[in-house]
Amino acid sequence: MQNQRCLTFAFLSSCAILPANAQRPITFDELAAITAPAPTARLTYGSGPLQFGNLRLPKGAGPHPVVLYVHGGCYLAQYSISHAAALEQALADSGYAVWSIEYRRVGDDGGGWPGTFDDVARAADHLRELATRYPLDLKRVVAAGHSAGANFALWLAARHWLGADSPWRGGNPLPVLAVLGLTPAPDLAALHTSGVCNNVIDKLMGGSPAQVPERYRDLSPAQLLPIGAPQTLIVGAHDRAWGPSGRAFHTLSVAAHDSHVRLIEAPESGHFDVVAPTTTSWRLVIDALRDLFARIERK
């Protein structure tokens, strides 16, 4: 016997047919309610109130492999880094140093183009400065993110494709050696067309693909293929709102002859289960992350 379970979130709605014995996909409120201790340190990468990140260190002397994490939330100001605390700690407990970044979003002063992208790039490159004070191994860096944050993680790995005059490439962007994309939606032009999250992409980019094509060319991972770095994309089998976007990006990557991208279906996951360490989907996330670090080390 099957049950129909319709979940309404603050920024998406989805409906799935689940087996009666399946774990119900969790909601955003349930994710945000999972508690975690304070980070090892909260550190700034700029002078603005949202230009900071949480650093969490695992046990041991290090130097530690690093997960550069970018939280999601449909690029909107009301979804802050706070809901990522449990994920951050679970990654640290699994043996990884975690640099989880906050950034200006649509609705914040200076959010949207270009401030949002300035912050993400600057925060990633700030790992070099952190490595002078903390035991971080910058030869082993995986960018990870959820939803909109997964798009940023993929973009960070693709910055080397930007022109030398791009402000986001800079003289020497931090090498991102692999990407874990959790329920990504990396085609910004397609998101603009669909009008997601109350037309947030128009606000994020400051216009449509027809009005500002150069911004979409430089900032949408779907237009920077093939990325080339090892990538694992995890999508929820019951994530009807965003799962199709992740699968479509995988198809585009394969068509662009990117042999480094893998797609994993999380059979009991909605949109948020892959970032909640209390769910059955979490083991898939940790296994995928360990595989990415192993792929880096085999290079």
Protein backbone atom coordinates (compact mmCIF):
# COMPACT_ATOMS: atom_id res chain seq x y z
CA MET A 1 0.00 0.00 0.00
CA GLN A 2 1.25 3.50 -0.82
CA ASN A 3 0.71 6.85 0.85
CA GLN A 4 0.60 10.20 -0.87
CA ARG A 5 2.62 12.74 1.11
CA CYS A 6 2.62 16.35 0.04
CA LEU A 7 5.24 18.55 1.67
CA THR A 8 5.05 22.33 1.59
CA PHE A 9 8.26 24.18 2.35
CA ALA A 10 8.94 27.87 2.75
CA PHE A 11 10.39 28.05 -0.74
CA LEU A 12 9.11 24.98 -2.57
CA SER A 13 6.26 22.57 -2.67
CA SER A 14 6.49 18.92 -3.67
CA CYS A 15 4.29 15.87 -3.64
CA ALA A 16 5.51 12.27 -3.71
CA ILE A 17 4.03 8.79 -3.68
CA LEU A 18 5.98 6.82 -1.07
CA PRO A 19 5.83 3.21 0.06
CA ALA A 20 4.10 2.91 3.41
CA ASN A 21 7.31 1.83 5.15
CA ALA A 22 9.50 4.57 3.65
CA GLN A 23 10.99 7.38 5.70
CA ARG A 24 9.02 10.58 5.16
CA PRO A 25 11.18 13.30 3.61
CA ILE A 26 11.90 15.96 6.20
CA THR A 27 10.83 19.58 6.01
CA PHE A 28 12.99 22.68 6.20
CA ASP A 29 11.70 23.40 9.70
CA GLU A 30 12.71 19.92 10.84
CA LEU A 31 16.15 20.39 9.32
CA ALA A 32 16.61 23.76 11.01
CA ALA A 33 15.62 22.29 14.37
CA ILE A 34 18.53 19.80 14.47
CA THR A 35 20.96 21.09 17.06
CA ALA A 36 24.76 21.26 16.90
CA PRO A 37 27.53 22.72 19.06
CA ALA A 38 29.16 26.03 18.23
CA PRO A 39 31.84 25.92 15.52
CA THR A 40 35.53 25.85 16.32
CA ALA A 41 35.62 29.50 15.21
CA ARG A 42 33.47 32.02 13.38
CA LEU A 43 35.83 34.01 11.14
CA THR A 44 35.41 36.96 8.82
CA TYR A 45 36.62 37.18 5.22
CA GLY A 46 35.47 40.78 4.75
CA SER A 47 34.17 43.76 6.68
CA GLY A 48 30.46 43.29 5.94
CA PRO A 49 28.12 41.74 8.53
CA LEU A 50 27.44 38.71 6.31
CA GLN A 51 31.04 38.16 5.21
CA PHE A 52 31.95 35.37 7.60
CA GLY A 53 32.18 31.63 7.81
CA ASN A 54 32.07 28.82 10.34
CA LEU A 55 35.24 26.78 10.70
CA ARG A 56 34.91 23.35 12.26
CA LEU A 57 37.95 21.15 12.82
CA PRO A 58 37.93 17.38 13.33
CA LYS A 59 39.89 15.61 16.00
CA GLY A 60 43.59 15.13 15.44
CA ALA A 61 46.58 17.23 14.57
CA GLY A 62 46.00 17.52 10.82
CA PRO A 63 46.58 18.84 8.28
CA HIS A 64 42.97 18.00 7.51
CA PRO A 65 41.20 17.57 4.17
CA VAL A 66 38.80 20.48 3.66
CA VAL A 67 35.14 20.69 2.73
CA LEU A 68 34.27 24.16 1.47
CA TYR A 69 30.52 24.28 2.08
CA VAL A 70 27.94 26.72 0.67
CA HIS A 71 24.43 26.61 2.13
CA GLY A 72 21.32 26.94 0.00
CA GLY A 73 18.02 28.74 0.36
CA CYS A 74 16.96 29.88 -3.10
CA TYR A 75 19.45 32.78 -2.98
CA LEU A 76 17.11 34.57 -0.56
CA ALA A 77 18.07 36.58 2.52
CA GLN A 78 15.66 34.77 4.86
CA TYR A 79 17.59 31.48 4.60
CA SER A 80 20.83 31.91 6.50
CA ILE A 81 23.80 29.73 7.37
CA SER A 82 22.17 28.68 10.67
CA HIS A 83 20.34 25.70 9.16
CA ALA A 84 23.69 24.19 8.06
CA ALA A 85 25.06 23.76 11.60
CA ALA A 86 24.21 20.07 11.99
CA LEU A 87 25.65 19.22 8.59
CA GLU A 88 28.85 21.14 9.38
CA GLN A 89 29.35 19.24 12.63
CA ALA A 90 28.55 15.87 11.06
CA LEU A 91 31.21 16.48 8.39
CA ALA A 92 33.75 17.47 11.05
CA ASP A 93 32.87 14.36 13.06
CA SER A 94 33.59 12.36 9.90
CA GLY A 95 37.15 13.65 9.77
CA TYR A 96 36.96 16.76 7.60
CA ALA A 97 37.75 20.38 8.29
CA VAL A 98 34.72 22.42 7.26
CA TRP A 99 34.74 26.02 6.05
CA SER A 100 31.04 26.85 5.76
CA ILE A 101 30.46 30.30 4.33
CA GLU A 102 27.80 32.95 4.74
CA TYR A 103 27.25 35.46 1.94
CA ARG A 104 24.95 38.28 0.89
CA ARG A 105 21.77 37.11 -0.79
CA VAL A 106 18.81 38.65 -2.59
CA GLY A 107 17.17 40.95 -0.06
CA ASP A 108 20.43 41.76 1.76
CA ASP A 109 22.17 45.09 1.31
CA GLY A 110 24.56 44.46 -1.60
CA GLY A 111 23.10 41.04 -2.39
CA GLY A 112 22.48 39.81 -5.92
CA TRP A 113 24.79 40.63 -8.79
CA PRO A 114 27.65 41.22 -8.25
CA GLY A 115 27.86 41.14 -4.44
CA THR A 116 26.65 37.57 -3.94
CA PHE A 117 29.23 36.20 -6.35
CA ASP A 118 31.94 38.48 -4.98
CA ASP A 119 31.32 37.05 -1.51
CA VAL A 120 31.36 33.40 -2.55
CA ALA A 121 34.59 33.78 -4.53
CA ARG A 122 36.27 35.83 -1.81
CA ALA A 123 35.25 33.40 0.93
CA ALA A 124 36.61 30.44 -1.05
CA ASP A 125 39.96 32.14 -1.66
CA HIS A 126 40.11 33.10 2.04
CA LEU A 127 40.97 29.46 2.77
CA ARG A 128 44.57 30.34 1.88
CA GLU A 129 44.71 32.79 4.76
CA LEU A 130 43.01 30.35 7.13
CA ALA A 131 45.57 27.69 6.25
CA THR A 132 48.30 29.90 7.73
CA ARG A 133 46.57 29.68 11.13
CA TYR A 134 44.82 26.29 11.12
CA PRO A 135 45.93 22.78 10.03
CA LEU A 136 44.20 22.68 6.63
CA ASP A 137 45.40 20.67 3.64
CA LEU A 138 44.68 22.83 0.59
CA LYS A 139 45.81 20.04 -1.71
CA ARG A 140 42.62 18.25 -0.68
CA VAL A 141 39.67 20.64 -1.06
CA VAL A 142 36.18 19.54 -2.08
CA ALA A 143 33.52 22.18 -2.61
CA ALA A 144 30.09 21.05 -1.47
CA GLY A 145 26.75 22.76 -1.39
CA HIS A 146 23.03 22.24 -1.21
CA SER A 147 20.48 23.56 -3.72
CA ALA A 148 21.56 27.12 -4.61
CA GLY A 149 24.74 26.45 -2.64
CA ALA A 150 25.49 23.45 -4.87
CA ASN A 151 25.33 25.79 -7.86
CA PHE A 152 27.98 27.96 -6.21
CA ALA A 153 30.14 24.90 -5.45
CA LEU A 154 30.07 23.91 -9.12
CA TRP A 155 30.79 27.49 -10.18
CA LEU A 156 33.83 27.67 -7.90
CA ALA A 157 35.24 24.57 -9.58
CA ALA A 158 34.62 26.12 -13.00
CA ARG A 159 36.21 29.52 -12.34
CA HIS A 160 39.30 28.51 -14.27
CA TRP A 161 37.17 28.71 -17.45
CA LEU A 162 36.45 32.40 -16.93
CA GLY A 163 38.35 34.99 -18.91
CA ALA A 164 41.48 36.46 -17.39
CA ASP A 165 39.68 39.81 -17.07
CA SER A 166 36.85 38.35 -15.00
CA PRO A 167 36.70 39.79 -11.46
CA TRP A 168 35.74 36.33 -10.16
CA ARG A 169 38.66 34.52 -11.63
CA GLY A 170 41.27 36.86 -10.21
CA GLY A 171 44.94 36.18 -10.58
CA ASN A 172 44.95 32.87 -8.74
CA PRO A 173 41.62 31.37 -7.67
CA LEU A 174 41.75 28.64 -5.04
CA PRO A 175 41.83 25.26 -6.80
CA VAL A 176 38.65 23.31 -6.10
CA LEU A 177 39.60 19.74 -6.85
CA ALA A 178 36.16 18.11 -6.69
CA VAL A 179 32.50 18.98 -6.10
CA LEU A 180 29.69 17.37 -4.14
CA GLY A 181 26.45 18.87 -5.43
CA LEU A 182 23.45 18.09 -3.23
CA THR A 183 20.19 18.63 -5.12
CA PRO A 184 21.74 21.21 -7.48
CA ALA A 185 19.92 23.33 -10.05
CA PRO A 186 22.89 24.72 -11.98
CA ASP A 187 21.23 26.11 -15.13
CA LEU A 188 20.45 29.72 -14.19
CA ALA A 189 18.84 30.49 -17.54
CA ALA A 190 16.42 27.59 -17.11
CA LEU A 191 15.66 28.70 -13.56
CA HIS A 192 14.96 32.21 -14.84
CA THR A 193 12.54 30.85 -17.41
CA SER A 194 10.69 28.78 -14.81
CA GLY A 195 10.40 31.74 -12.43
CA VAL A 196 11.52 29.82 -9.35
CA CYS A 197 11.18 31.34 -5.89
CA ASN A 198 9.15 34.32 -7.03
CA ASN A 199 11.47 35.13 -9.95
CA VAL A 200 14.55 35.22 -7.75
CA ILE A 201 16.99 34.64 -10.63
CA ASP A 202 16.07 37.94 -12.27
CA LYS A 203 16.86 39.64 -8.96
CA LEU A 204 20.05 37.62 -8.45
CA MET A 205 21.44 38.34 -11.91
CA GLY A 206 20.00 41.83 -12.38
CA GLY A 207 18.19 40.86 -15.55
CA SER A 208 17.22 38.06 -17.90
CA PRO A 209 19.53 35.96 -20.08
CA ALA A 210 18.52 38.16 -23.02
CA GLN A 211 19.29 41.38 -21.14
CA VAL A 212 22.61 40.40 -19.51
CA PRO A 213 23.86 37.30 -21.39
CA GLU A 214 27.46 37.86 -20.29
CA ARG A 215 26.48 37.41 -16.64
CA TYR A 216 24.82 34.08 -17.32
CA ARG A 217 27.81 33.05 -19.44
CA ASP A 218 30.22 33.67 -16.54
CA LEU A 219 28.06 32.69 -13.57
CA SER A 220 25.86 29.75 -14.61
CA PRO A 221 27.60 26.36 -14.24
CA ALA A 222 25.54 25.03 -17.14
CA GLN A 223 27.31 27.49 -19.44
CA LEU A 224 30.79 26.59 -18.17
CA LEU A 225 30.78 22.93 -19.18
CA PRO A 226 32.75 20.75 -19.13
CA ILE A 227 33.90 21.64 -15.62
CA GLY A 228 36.46 18.86 -15.65
CA ALA A 229 36.88 18.30 -11.91
CA PRO A 230 35.39 15.16 -10.35
CA GLN A 231 31.75 15.85 -9.49
CA THR A 232 29.12 13.82 -7.72
CA LEU A 233 25.53 15.04 -7.88
CA ILE A 234 23.02 13.63 -5.42
CA VAL A 235 19.32 14.18 -6.09
CA GLY A 236 16.34 13.08 -4.06
CA ALA A 237 14.08 10.54 -5.70
CA HIS A 238 11.11 12.39 -4.15
CA ASP A 239 12.37 15.91 -4.81
CA ARG A 240 9.98 16.81 -7.60
CA ALA A 241 10.71 20.51 -7.44
CA TRP A 242 14.51 20.38 -7.87
CA GLY A 243 15.41 16.80 -8.75
CA PRO A 244 14.73 17.33 -12.48
CA SER A 245 17.19 20.24 -12.57
CA GLY A 246 20.00 18.11 -11.16
CA ARG A 247 19.30 15.30 -13.60
CA ALA A 248 19.17 17.77 -16.51
CA PHE A 249 22.57 19.18 -15.53
CA HIS A 250 24.02 15.68 -15.48
CA THR A 251 22.66 15.13 -18.99
CA LEU A 252 24.21 18.40 -20.16
CA SER A 253 27.55 17.46 -18.60
CA VAL A 254 27.59 14.08 -20.32
CA ALA A 255 26.73 15.75 -23.63
CA ALA A 256 29.67 18.11 -23.06
CA HIS A 257 31.92 15.04 -22.68
CA ASP A 258 32.59 15.64 -19.00
CA SER A 259 33.58 12.13 -17.95
CA HIS A 260 34.15 13.21 -14.35
CA VAL A 261 30.50 13.70 -13.33
CA ARG A 262 28.40 11.08 -11.53
CA LEU A 263 24.73 11.10 -10.58
CA ILE A 264 23.36 9.37 -7.48
CA GLU A 265 19.65 8.99 -6.72
CA ALA A 266 18.82 9.08 -3.01
CA PRO A 267 15.82 6.73 -2.88
CA GLU A 268 14.20 8.05 0.32
CA SER A 269 15.13 11.71 -0.05
CA GLY A 270 13.15 14.83 -0.68
CA HIS A 271 14.95 18.15 -0.98
CA PHE A 272 16.40 18.40 2.51
CA ASP A 273 17.22 14.83 3.58
CA VAL A 274 20.66 14.94 1.94
CA VAL A 275 21.76 17.74 4.29
CA ALA A 276 20.26 16.27 7.47
CA PRO A 277 22.62 13.86 9.25
CA THR A 278 19.66 12.25 11.03
CA THR A 279 18.23 10.74 7.83
CA THR A 280 18.86 7.51 5.96
CA SER A 281 20.20 9.56 3.03
CA TRP A 282 23.17 10.86 5.01
CA ARG A 283 25.21 7.69 4.51
CA LEU A 284 25.03 8.26 0.74
CA VAL A 285 26.41 11.76 1.24
CA ILE A 286 29.36 10.66 3.38
CA ASP A 287 30.18 7.76 1.08
CA ALA A 288 30.11 10.08 -1.94
CA LEU A 289 32.35 12.59 -0.19
CA ARG A 290 34.88 9.93 0.76
CA ASP A 291 34.89 8.70 -2.82
CA LEU A 292 35.60 12.23 -4.10
CA PHE A 293 38.57 12.63 -1.76
CA ALA A 294 39.83 9.21 -2.87
CA ARG A 295 39.56 10.32 -6.51
CA ILE A 296 41.59 13.44 -5.69
CA GLU A 297 44.29 11.40 -4.00
CA ARG A 298 44.53 8.97 -6.94
CA LYS A 299 45.33 11.81 -9.35
